[in-house]
Amino acid sequence: YDDQNANKLYQCNLDGSGKVAIDSDGTRVYGMAIDHAENK
């Protein structure tokens, strides 16, 4: 999920715990997709 207040894209567990910043570019993230074959 992205958080514009922190200007970051985060990853966390499904219960909201274990938050890790993925990116801090500060832009609104509208689209995301996962490629599980490449783990990207």
PDB file of all heavy atoms in Angstrom:
ATOM      1  N   TYR A   1       0.843  -1.203   0.000  1.00  0.00           N
ATOM      2  CA  TYR A   1       0.000   0.000   0.000  1.00  0.00           C
ATOM      3  C   TYR A   1       0.874   1.248   0.000  1.00  0.00           C
ATOM      4  O   TYR A   1       1.995   1.227   0.487  1.00  0.00           O
ATOM      5  CB  TYR A   1      -0.948   0.013   1.202  1.00  0.00           C
ATOM      6  CG  TYR A   1      -0.261   0.179   2.537  1.00  0.00           C
ATOM      7  CD1 TYR A   1      -0.158   1.432   3.133  1.00  0.00           C
ATOM      8  CD2 TYR A   1       0.285  -0.910   3.205  1.00  0.00           C
ATOM      9  CE1 TYR A   1       0.473   1.591   4.352  1.00  0.00           C
ATOM     10  CE2 TYR A   1       0.907  -0.761   4.418  1.00  0.00           C
ATOM     11  CZ  TYR A   1       1.002   0.490   4.989  1.00  0.00           C
ATOM     12  OH  TYR A   1       1.636   0.655   6.201  1.00  0.00           O
ATOM     13  N   ASP A   2       0.336   2.311  -0.570  1.00  0.00           N
ATOM     14  CA  ASP A   2       1.078   3.571  -0.530  1.00  0.00           C
ATOM     15  C   ASP A   2       0.490   4.461   0.547  1.00  0.00           C
ATOM     16  O   ASP A   2      -0.684   4.363   0.900  1.00  0.00           O
ATOM     17  CB  ASP A   2       1.078   4.259  -1.895  1.00  0.00           C
ATOM     18  CG  ASP A   2      -0.191   5.020  -2.209  1.00  0.00           C
ATOM     19  OD1 ASP A   2      -1.275   4.446  -2.064  1.00  0.00           O
ATOM     20  OD2 ASP A   2      -0.090   6.175  -2.621  1.00  0.00           O
ATOM     21  N   ASP A   3       1.333   5.309   1.103  1.00  0.00           N
ATOM     22  CA  ASP A   3       0.922   6.266   2.131  1.00  0.00           C
ATOM     23  C   ASP A   3       1.507   7.619   1.761  1.00  0.00           C
ATOM     24  O   ASP A   3       2.720   7.831   1.865  1.00  0.00           O
ATOM     25  CB  ASP A   3       1.406   5.822   3.511  1.00  0.00           C
ATOM     26  CG  ASP A   3       0.957   6.772   4.614  1.00  0.00           C
ATOM     27  OD1 ASP A   3       0.313   7.801   4.318  1.00  0.00           O
ATOM     28  OD2 ASP A   3       1.270   6.481   5.783  1.00  0.00           O
ATOM     29  N   GLN A   4       0.648   8.508   1.292  1.00  0.00           N
ATOM     30  CA  GLN A   4       1.098   9.831   0.876  1.00  0.00           C
ATOM     31  C   GLN A   4       1.569  10.682   2.047  1.00  0.00           C
ATOM     32  O   GLN A   4       2.378  11.583   1.870  1.00  0.00           O
ATOM     33  CB  GLN A   4      -0.018  10.544   0.115  1.00  0.00           C
ATOM     34  CG  GLN A   4      -0.324   9.902  -1.217  1.00  0.00           C
ATOM     35  CD  GLN A   4       0.892   9.844  -2.096  1.00  0.00           C
ATOM     36  OE1 GLN A   4       1.396  10.868  -2.533  1.00  0.00           O
ATOM     37  NE2 GLN A   4       1.397   8.659  -2.349  1.00  0.00           N
ATOM     38  N   ASN A   5       1.075  10.411   3.250  1.00  0.00           N
ATOM     39  CA  ASN A   5       1.548  11.161   4.419  1.00  0.00           C
ATOM     40  C   ASN A   5       3.028  10.895   4.679  1.00  0.00           C
ATOM     41  O   ASN A   5       3.759  11.787   5.106  1.00  0.00           O
ATOM     42  CB  ASN A   5       0.734  10.807   5.664  1.00  0.00           C
ATOM     43  CG  ASN A   5      -0.686  11.320   5.572  1.00  0.00           C
ATOM     44  OD1 ASN A   5      -0.951  12.348   4.970  1.00  0.00           O
ATOM     45  ND2 ASN A   5      -1.611  10.587   6.143  1.00  0.00           N
ATOM     46  N   ALA A   6       3.471   9.684   4.449  1.00  0.00           N
ATOM     47  CA  ALA A   6       4.871   9.310   4.650  1.00  0.00           C
ATOM     48  C   ALA A   6       5.674   9.331   3.347  1.00  0.00           C
ATOM     49  O   ALA A   6       6.886   9.133   3.372  1.00  0.00           O
ATOM     50  CB  ALA A   6       4.951   7.917   5.269  1.00  0.00           C
ATOM     51  N   ASN A   7       4.993   9.566   2.205  1.00  0.00           N
ATOM     52  CA  ASN A   7       5.639   9.537   0.888  1.00  0.00           C
ATOM     53  C   ASN A   7       6.350   8.215   0.626  1.00  0.00           C
ATOM     54  O   ASN A   7       7.475   8.190   0.150  1.00  0.00           O
ATOM     55  CB  ASN A   7       6.626  10.700   0.728  1.00  0.00           C
ATOM     56  CG  ASN A   7       5.925  12.022   0.654  1.00  0.00           C
ATOM     57  OD1 ASN A   7       4.865  12.140   0.064  1.00  0.00           O
ATOM     58  ND2 ASN A   7       6.509  13.028   1.284  1.00  0.00           N
ATOM     59  N   LYS A   8       5.663   7.098   0.953  1.00  0.00           N
ATOM     60  CA  LYS A   8       6.283   5.789   0.797  1.00  0.00           C
ATOM     61  C   LYS A   8       5.289   4.751   0.293  1.00  0.00           C
ATOM     62  O   LYS A   8       4.092   4.868   0.500  1.00  0.00           O
ATOM     63  CB  LYS A   8       6.859   5.305   2.125  1.00  0.00           C
ATOM     64  CG  LYS A   8       8.025   6.153   2.600  1.00  0.00           C
ATOM     65  CD  LYS A   8       8.606   5.623   3.874  1.00  0.00           C
ATOM     66  CE  LYS A   8       9.758   6.538   4.294  1.00  0.00           C
ATOM     67  NZ  LYS A   8      10.353   6.108   5.539  1.00  0.00           N
ATOM     68  N   LEU A   9       5.857   3.722  -0.331  1.00  0.00           N
ATOM     69  CA  LEU A   9       5.142   2.502  -0.667  1.00  0.00           C
ATOM     70  C   LEU A   9       5.599   1.457   0.342  1.00  0.00           C
ATOM     71  O   LEU A   9       6.796   1.299   0.571  1.00  0.00           O
ATOM     72  CB  LEU A   9       5.486   2.054  -2.093  1.00  0.00           C
ATOM     73  CG  LEU A   9       4.925   0.712  -2.552  1.00  0.00           C
ATOM     74  CD1 LEU A   9       3.406   0.738  -2.601  1.00  0.00           C
ATOM     75  CD2 LEU A   9       5.502   0.338  -3.909  1.00  0.00           C
ATOM     76  N   TYR A  10       4.627   0.777   0.972  1.00  0.00           N
ATOM     77  CA  TYR A  10       4.944  -0.189   2.030  1.00  0.00           C
ATOM     78  C   TYR A  10       4.504  -1.598   1.666  1.00  0.00           C
ATOM     79  O   TYR A  10       3.578  -1.798   0.887  1.00  0.00           O
ATOM     80  CB  TYR A  10       4.215   0.178   3.326  1.00  0.00           C
ATOM     81  CG  TYR A  10       4.740   1.391   4.028  1.00  0.00           C
ATOM     82  CD1 TYR A  10       4.023   2.580   4.011  1.00  0.00           C
ATOM     83  CD2 TYR A  10       5.936   1.355   4.729  1.00  0.00           C
ATOM     84  CE1 TYR A  10       4.483   3.707   4.674  1.00  0.00           C
ATOM     85  CE2 TYR A  10       6.408   2.476   5.401  1.00  0.00           C
ATOM     86  CZ  TYR A  10       5.681   3.645   5.365  1.00  0.00           C
ATOM     87  OH  TYR A  10       6.138   4.760   6.018  1.00  0.00           O
ATOM     88  N   GLN A  11       5.154  -2.550   2.326  1.00  0.00           N
ATOM     89  CA  GLN A  11       4.735  -3.943   2.347  1.00  0.00           C
ATOM     90  C   GLN A  11       4.508  -4.287   3.820  1.00  0.00           C
ATOM     91  O   GLN A  11       5.252  -3.829   4.688  1.00  0.00           O
ATOM     92  CB  GLN A  11       5.835  -4.852   1.794  1.00  0.00           C
ATOM     93  CG  GLN A  11       5.513  -6.328   1.921  1.00  0.00           C
ATOM     94  CD  GLN A  11       6.782  -7.171   1.972  1.00  0.00           C
ATOM     95  OE1 GLN A  11       7.495  -7.156   2.952  1.00  0.00           O
ATOM     96  NE2 GLN A  11       7.042  -7.872   0.896  1.00  0.00           N
ATOM     97  N   CYS A  12       3.459  -5.074   4.095  1.00  0.00           N
ATOM     98  CA  CYS A  12       3.222  -5.550   5.453  1.00  0.00           C
ATOM     99  C   CYS A  12       2.537  -6.911   5.392  1.00  0.00           C
ATOM    100  O   CYS A  12       2.140  -7.368   4.326  1.00  0.00           O
ATOM    101  CB  CYS A  12       2.398  -4.554   6.265  1.00  0.00           C
ATOM    102  SG  CYS A  12       0.685  -4.360   5.719  1.00  0.00           S
ATOM    103  N   ASN A  13       2.407  -7.549   6.534  1.00  0.00           N
ATOM    104  CA  ASN A  13       1.640  -8.786   6.629  1.00  0.00           C
ATOM    105  C   ASN A  13       0.161  -8.453   6.472  1.00  0.00           C
ATOM    106  O   ASN A  13      -0.242  -7.291   6.628  1.00  0.00           O
ATOM    107  CB  ASN A  13       1.903  -9.468   7.967  1.00  0.00           C
ATOM    108  CG  ASN A  13       3.352  -9.863   8.115  1.00  0.00           C
ATOM    109  OD1 ASN A  13       3.967 -10.364   7.186  1.00  0.00           O
ATOM    110  ND2 ASN A  13       3.913  -9.623   9.285  1.00  0.00           N
ATOM    111  N   LEU A  14      -0.667  -9.431   6.195  1.00  0.00           N
ATOM    112  CA  LEU A  14      -2.091  -9.183   5.971  1.00  0.00           C
ATOM    113  C   LEU A  14      -2.801  -8.639   7.201  1.00  0.00           C
ATOM    114  O   LEU A  14      -3.867  -8.040   7.092  1.00  0.00           O
ATOM    115  CB  LEU A  14      -2.782 -10.458   5.479  1.00  0.00           C
ATOM    116  CG  LEU A  14      -2.334 -10.956   4.104  1.00  0.00           C
ATOM    117  CD1 LEU A  14      -3.092 -12.217   3.728  1.00  0.00           C
ATOM    118  CD2 LEU A  14      -2.497  -9.885   3.039  1.00  0.00           C
ATOM    119  N   ASP A  15      -2.206  -8.793   8.388  1.00  0.00           N
ATOM    120  CA  ASP A  15      -2.801  -8.232   9.604  1.00  0.00           C
ATOM    121  C   ASP A  15      -2.282  -6.828   9.903  1.00  0.00           C
ATOM    122  O   ASP A  15      -2.597  -6.249  10.935  1.00  0.00           O
ATOM    123  CB  ASP A  15      -2.573  -9.154  10.800  1.00  0.00           C
ATOM    124  CG  ASP A  15      -1.112  -9.303  11.177  1.00  0.00           C
ATOM    125  OD1 ASP A  15      -0.231  -8.680  10.539  1.00  0.00           O
ATOM    126  OD2 ASP A  15      -0.834 -10.068  12.129  1.00  0.00           O
ATOM    127  N   GLY A  16      -1.457  -6.272   9.018  1.00  0.00           N
ATOM    128  CA  GLY A  16      -0.920  -4.923   9.182  1.00  0.00           C
ATOM    129  C   GLY A  16       0.411  -4.859   9.905  1.00  0.00           C
ATOM    130  O   GLY A  16       1.034  -3.803   9.972  1.00  0.00           O
ATOM    131  N   SER A  17       0.882  -5.959  10.424  1.00  0.00           N
ATOM    132  CA  SER A  17       2.159  -5.979  11.143  1.00  0.00           C
ATOM    133  C   SER A  17       3.324  -6.120  10.170  1.00  0.00           C
ATOM    134  O   SER A  17       3.143  -6.439   9.000  1.00  0.00           O
ATOM    135  CB  SER A  17       2.180  -7.137  12.141  1.00  0.00           C
ATOM    136  OG  SER A  17       2.179  -8.383  11.448  1.00  0.00           O
ATOM    137  N   GLY A  18       4.532  -5.875  10.674  1.00  0.00           N
ATOM    138  CA  GLY A  18       5.741  -6.096   9.877  1.00  0.00           C
ATOM    139  C   GLY A  18       5.920  -5.132   8.728  1.00  0.00           C
ATOM    140  O   GLY A  18       6.430  -5.515   7.677  1.00  0.00           O
ATOM    141  N   LYS A  19       5.556  -3.873   8.920  1.00  0.00           N
ATOM    142  CA  LYS A  19       5.627  -2.879   7.854  1.00  0.00           C
ATOM    143  C   LYS A  19       7.074  -2.608   7.429  1.00  0.00           C
ATOM    144  O   LYS A  19       7.938  -2.381   8.269  1.00  0.00           O
ATOM    145  CB  LYS A  19       4.966  -1.592   8.327  1.00  0.00           C
ATOM    146  CG  LYS A  19       4.956  -0.477   7.317  1.00  0.00           C
ATOM    147  CD  LYS A  19       4.097   0.682   7.753  1.00  0.00           C
ATOM    148  CE  LYS A  19       4.733   1.500   8.829  1.00  0.00           C
ATOM    149  NZ  LYS A  19       4.016   2.762   9.098  1.00  0.00           N
ATOM    150  N   VAL A  20       7.318  -2.659   6.105  1.00  0.00           N
ATOM    151  CA  VAL A  20       8.625  -2.392   5.521  1.00  0.00           C
ATOM    152  C   VAL A  20       8.441  -1.416   4.367  1.00  0.00           C
ATOM    153  O   VAL A  20       7.558  -1.610   3.522  1.00  0.00           O
ATOM    154  CB  VAL A  20       9.261  -3.702   4.982  1.00  0.00           C
ATOM    155  CG1 VAL A  20      10.576  -3.415   4.274  1.00  0.00           C
ATOM    156  CG2 VAL A  20       9.450  -4.709   6.089  1.00  0.00           C
ATOM    157  N   ALA A  21       9.253  -0.363   4.301  1.00  0.00           N
ATOM    158  CA  ALA A  21       9.194   0.586   3.187  1.00  0.00           C
ATOM    159  C   ALA A  21       9.825  -0.036   1.953  1.00  0.00           C
ATOM    160  O   ALA A  21      10.933  -0.558   2.011  1.00  0.00           O
ATOM    161  CB  ALA A  21       9.895   1.878   3.547  1.00  0.00           C
ATOM    162  N   ILE A  22       9.097   0.000   0.841  1.00  0.00           N
ATOM    163  CA  ILE A  22       9.579  -0.512  -0.432  1.00  0.00           C
ATOM    164  C   ILE A  22      10.174   0.618  -1.268  1.00  0.00           C
ATOM    165  O   ILE A  22      11.173   0.448  -1.933  1.00  0.00           O
ATOM    166  CB  ILE A  22       8.415  -1.184  -1.224  1.00  0.00           C
ATOM    167  CG1 ILE A  22       7.852  -2.361  -0.445  1.00  0.00           C
ATOM    168  CG2 ILE A  22       8.851  -1.595  -2.614  1.00  0.00           C
ATOM    169  CD1 ILE A  22       8.795  -3.510  -0.271  1.00  0.00           C
ATOM    170  N   ASP A  23       9.550   1.788  -1.210  1.00  0.00           N
ATOM    171  CA  ASP A  23       9.993   2.924  -2.010  1.00  0.00           C
ATOM    172  C   ASP A  23       9.611   4.207  -1.300  1.00  0.00           C
ATOM    173  O   ASP A  23       8.602   4.267  -0.598  1.00  0.00           O
ATOM    174  CB  ASP A  23       9.325   2.884  -3.396  1.00  0.00           C
ATOM    175  CG  ASP A  23       9.768   4.036  -4.283  1.00  0.00           C
ATOM    176  OD1 ASP A  23      10.984   4.166  -4.507  1.00  0.00           O
ATOM    177  OD2 ASP A  23       8.911   4.791  -4.747  1.00  0.00           O
ATOM    178  N   SER A  24      10.428   5.229  -1.478  1.00  0.00           N
ATOM    179  CA  SER A  24      10.127   6.526  -0.869  1.00  0.00           C
ATOM    180  C   SER A  24      10.234   7.638  -1.894  1.00  0.00           C
ATOM    181  O   SER A  24      10.745   8.702  -1.622  1.00  0.00           O
ATOM    182  CB  SER A  24      11.083   6.784   0.301  1.00  0.00           C
ATOM    183  OG  SER A  24      12.422   6.758  -0.153  1.00  0.00           O
ATOM    184  N   ASP A  25       9.721   7.375  -3.077  1.00  0.00           N
ATOM    185  CA  ASP A  25       9.784   8.347  -4.164  1.00  0.00           C
ATOM    186  C   ASP A  25       8.806   9.495  -3.963  1.00  0.00           C
ATOM    187  O   ASP A  25       8.953  10.541  -4.566  1.00  0.00           O
ATOM    188  CB  ASP A  25       9.520   7.640  -5.496  1.00  0.00           C
ATOM    189  CG  ASP A  25       9.910   8.506  -6.664  1.00  0.00           C
ATOM    190  OD1 ASP A  25      11.103   8.555  -7.003  1.00  0.00           O
ATOM    191  OD2 ASP A  25       9.009   9.158  -7.222  1.00  0.00           O
ATOM    192  N   GLY A  26       7.778   9.299  -3.126  1.00  0.00           N
ATOM    193  CA  GLY A  26       6.848  10.367  -2.816  1.00  0.00           C
ATOM    194  C   GLY A  26       5.783  10.624  -3.856  1.00  0.00           C
ATOM    195  O   GLY A  26       5.169  11.679  -3.865  1.00  0.00           O
ATOM    196  N   THR A  27       5.529   9.694  -4.739  1.00  0.00           N
ATOM    197  CA  THR A  27       4.517   9.881  -5.762  1.00  0.00           C
ATOM    198  C   THR A  27       3.270   9.074  -5.431  1.00  0.00           C
ATOM    199  O   THR A  27       3.347   8.088  -4.696  1.00  0.00           O
ATOM    200  CB  THR A  27       5.061   9.461  -7.143  1.00  0.00           C
ATOM    201  OG1 THR A  27       4.121   9.838  -8.141  1.00  0.00           O
ATOM    202  CG2 THR A  27       5.313   7.971  -7.216  1.00  0.00           C
ATOM    203  N   ARG A  28       2.136   9.494  -5.944  1.00  0.00           N
ATOM    204  CA  ARG A  28       0.914   8.711  -5.754  1.00  0.00           C
ATOM    205  C   ARG A  28       1.003   7.423  -6.555  1.00  0.00           C
ATOM    206  O   ARG A  28       1.267   7.454  -7.751  1.00  0.00           O
ATOM    207  CB  ARG A  28      -0.314   9.511  -6.195  1.00  0.00           C
ATOM    208  CG  ARG A  28      -0.682  10.593  -5.219  1.00  0.00           C
ATOM    209  CD  ARG A  28      -1.925  11.303  -5.668  1.00  0.00           C
ATOM    210  NE  ARG A  28      -1.571  12.226  -6.746  1.00  0.00           N
ATOM    211  CZ  ARG A  28      -2.429  13.045  -7.330  1.00  0.00           C
ATOM    212  NH1 ARG A  28      -3.695  13.035  -6.979  1.00  0.00           N
ATOM    213  NH2 ARG A  28      -2.042  13.861  -8.284  1.00  0.00           N
ATOM    214  N   VAL A  29       0.783   6.317  -5.898  1.00  0.00           N
ATOM    215  CA  VAL A  29       0.809   5.006  -6.537  1.00  0.00           C
ATOM    216  C   VAL A  29      -0.629   4.610  -6.833  1.00  0.00           C
ATOM    217  O   VAL A  29      -1.425   4.455  -5.918  1.00  0.00           O
ATOM    218  CB  VAL A  29       1.485   3.954  -5.646  1.00  0.00           C
ATOM    219  CG1 VAL A  29       1.372   2.571  -6.269  1.00  0.00           C
ATOM    220  CG2 VAL A  29       2.935   4.324  -5.390  1.00  0.00           C
ATOM    221  N   TYR A  30      -0.962   4.482  -8.102  1.00  0.00           N
ATOM    222  CA  TYR A  30      -2.300   4.051  -8.490  1.00  0.00           C
ATOM    223  C   TYR A  30      -2.301   2.602  -8.920  1.00  0.00           C
ATOM    224  O   TYR A  30      -3.225   1.870  -8.668  1.00  0.00           O
ATOM    225  CB  TYR A  30      -2.829   4.913  -9.642  1.00  0.00           C
ATOM    226  CG  TYR A  30      -3.504   6.185  -9.207  1.00  0.00           C
ATOM    227  CD1 TYR A  30      -2.771   7.231  -8.686  1.00  0.00           C
ATOM    228  CD2 TYR A  30      -4.870   6.327  -9.323  1.00  0.00           C
ATOM    229  CE1 TYR A  30      -3.387   8.398  -8.303  1.00  0.00           C
ATOM    230  CE2 TYR A  30      -5.500   7.492  -8.942  1.00  0.00           C
ATOM    231  CZ  TYR A  30      -4.747   8.527  -8.430  1.00  0.00           C
ATOM    232  OH  TYR A  30      -5.360   9.682  -8.046  1.00  0.00           O
ATOM    233  N   GLY A  31      -1.273   2.185  -9.621  1.00  0.00           N
ATOM    234  CA  GLY A  31      -1.237   0.833 -10.152  1.00  0.00           C
ATOM    235  C   GLY A  31      -0.110   0.016  -9.559  1.00  0.00           C
ATOM    236  O   GLY A  31       0.988   0.516  -9.355  1.00  0.00           O
ATOM    237  N   MET A  32      -0.413  -1.243  -9.245  1.00  0.00           N
ATOM    238  CA  MET A  32       0.590  -2.193  -8.778  1.00  0.00           C
ATOM    239  C   MET A  32       0.262  -3.552  -9.364  1.00  0.00           C
ATOM    240  O   MET A  32      -0.898  -3.869  -9.585  1.00  0.00           O
ATOM    241  CB  MET A  32       0.578  -2.298  -7.254  1.00  0.00           C
ATOM    242  CG  MET A  32       1.130  -1.097  -6.522  1.00  0.00           C
ATOM    243  SD  MET A  32       1.170  -1.364  -4.741  1.00  0.00           S
ATOM    244  CE  MET A  32      -0.439  -0.728  -4.275  1.00  0.00           C
ATOM    245  N   ALA A  33       1.301  -4.344  -9.594  1.00  0.00           N
ATOM    246  CA  ALA A  33       1.122  -5.710 -10.072  1.00  0.00           C
ATOM    247  C   ALA A  33       2.306  -6.540  -9.603  1.00  0.00           C
ATOM    248  O   ALA A  33       3.402  -6.012  -9.396  1.00  0.00           O
ATOM    249  CB  ALA A  33       1.025  -5.744 -11.593  1.00  0.00           C
ATOM    250  N   ILE A  34       2.071  -7.834  -9.436  1.00  0.00           N
ATOM    251  CA  ILE A  34       3.112  -8.741  -8.966  1.00  0.00           C
ATOM    252  C   ILE A  34       3.366  -9.808 -10.026  1.00  0.00           C
ATOM    253  O   ILE A  34       2.428 -10.369 -10.593  1.00  0.00           O
ATOM    254  CB  ILE A  34       2.706  -9.405  -7.638  1.00  0.00           C
ATOM    255  CG1 ILE A  34       2.656  -8.342  -6.532  1.00  0.00           C
ATOM    256  CG2 ILE A  34       3.669 -10.524  -7.260  1.00  0.00           C
ATOM    257  CD1 ILE A  34       2.167  -8.850  -5.208  1.00  0.00           C
ATOM    258  N   ASP A  35       4.640 -10.071 -10.264  1.00  0.00           N
ATOM    259  CA  ASP A  35       5.075 -11.175 -11.114  1.00  0.00           C
ATOM    260  C   ASP A  35       5.694 -12.212 -10.183  1.00  0.00           C
ATOM    261  O   ASP A  35       6.843 -12.075  -9.760  1.00  0.00           O
ATOM    262  CB  ASP A  35       6.093 -10.677 -12.139  1.00  0.00           C
ATOM    263  CG  ASP A  35       6.595 -11.774 -13.058  1.00  0.00           C
ATOM    264  OD1 ASP A  35       6.329 -12.974 -12.785  1.00  0.00           O
ATOM    265  OD2 ASP A  35       7.270 -11.438 -14.051  1.00  0.00           O
ATOM    266  N   HIS A  36       4.907 -13.230  -9.816  1.00  0.00           N
ATOM    267  CA  HIS A  36       5.398 -14.238  -8.874  1.00  0.00           C
ATOM    268  C   HIS A  36       6.481 -15.126  -9.475  1.00  0.00           C
ATOM    269  O   HIS A  36       7.351 -15.613  -8.749  1.00  0.00           O
ATOM    270  CB  HIS A  36       4.237 -15.087  -8.345  1.00  0.00           C
ATOM    271  CG  HIS A  36       3.393 -14.344  -7.378  1.00  0.00           C
ATOM    272  ND1 HIS A  36       2.146 -13.874  -7.702  1.00  0.00           N
ATOM    273  CD2 HIS A  36       3.614 -13.955  -6.106  1.00  0.00           C
ATOM    274  CE1 HIS A  36       1.635 -13.237  -6.673  1.00  0.00           C
ATOM    275  NE2 HIS A  36       2.511 -13.271  -5.688  1.00  0.00           N
ATOM    276  N   ALA A  37       6.471 -15.325 -10.774  1.00  0.00           N
ATOM    277  CA  ALA A  37       7.501 -16.148 -11.409  1.00  0.00           C
ATOM    278  C   ALA A  37       8.885 -15.507 -11.251  1.00  0.00           C
ATOM    279  O   ALA A  37       9.886 -16.200 -11.078  1.00  0.00           O
ATOM    280  CB  ALA A  37       7.181 -16.352 -12.885  1.00  0.00           C
ATOM    281  N   GLU A  38       8.923 -14.176 -11.289  1.00  0.00           N
ATOM    282  CA  GLU A  38      10.188 -13.444 -11.157  1.00  0.00           C
ATOM    283  C   GLU A  38      10.371 -12.840  -9.765  1.00  0.00           C
ATOM    284  O   GLU A  38      11.396 -12.205  -9.507  1.00  0.00           O
ATOM    285  CB  GLU A  38      10.257 -12.339 -12.216  1.00  0.00           C
ATOM    286  CG  GLU A  38      10.230 -12.855 -13.638  1.00  0.00           C
ATOM    287  CD  GLU A  38      11.474 -13.654 -13.990  1.00  0.00           C
ATOM    288  OE1 GLU A  38      12.569 -13.328 -13.487  1.00  0.00           O
ATOM    289  OE2 GLU A  38      11.344 -14.626 -14.768  1.00  0.00           O
ATOM    290  N   ASN A  39       9.349 -12.984  -8.876  1.00  0.00           N
ATOM    291  CA  ASN A  39       9.386 -12.399  -7.526  1.00  0.00           C
ATOM    292  C   ASN A  39       9.621 -10.890  -7.569  1.00  0.00           C
ATOM    293  O   ASN A  39      10.468 -10.350  -6.863  1.00  0.00           O
ATOM    294  CB  ASN A  39      10.433 -13.084  -6.646  1.00  0.00           C
ATOM    295  CG  ASN A  39      10.008 -14.487  -6.300  1.00  0.00           C
ATOM    296  OD1 ASN A  39       8.873 -14.724  -5.906  1.00  0.00           O
ATOM    297  ND2 ASN A  39      10.921 -15.432  -6.468  1.00  0.00           N
ATOM    298  N   LYS A  40       8.822 -10.207  -8.408  1.00  0.00           N
ATOM    299  CA  LYS A  40       8.942  -8.762  -8.586  1.00  0.00           C
ATOM    300  C   LYS A  40       7.599  -8.085  -8.359  1.00  0.00           C
ATOM    301  O   LYS A  40       6.541  -8.646  -8.653  1.00  0.00           O
ATOM    302  CB  LYS A  40       9.409  -8.418 -10.012  1.00  0.00           C
ATOM    303  CG  LYS A  40      10.749  -8.983 -10.408  1.00  0.00           C
ATOM    304  CD  LYS A  40      11.885  -8.219  -9.813  1.00  0.00           C
ATOM    305  CE  LYS A  40      13.210  -8.723 -10.352  1.00  0.00           C
ATOM    306  NZ  LYS A  40      14.341  -8.046  -9.731  1.00  0.00           N
TER     307      LYS A  40
END
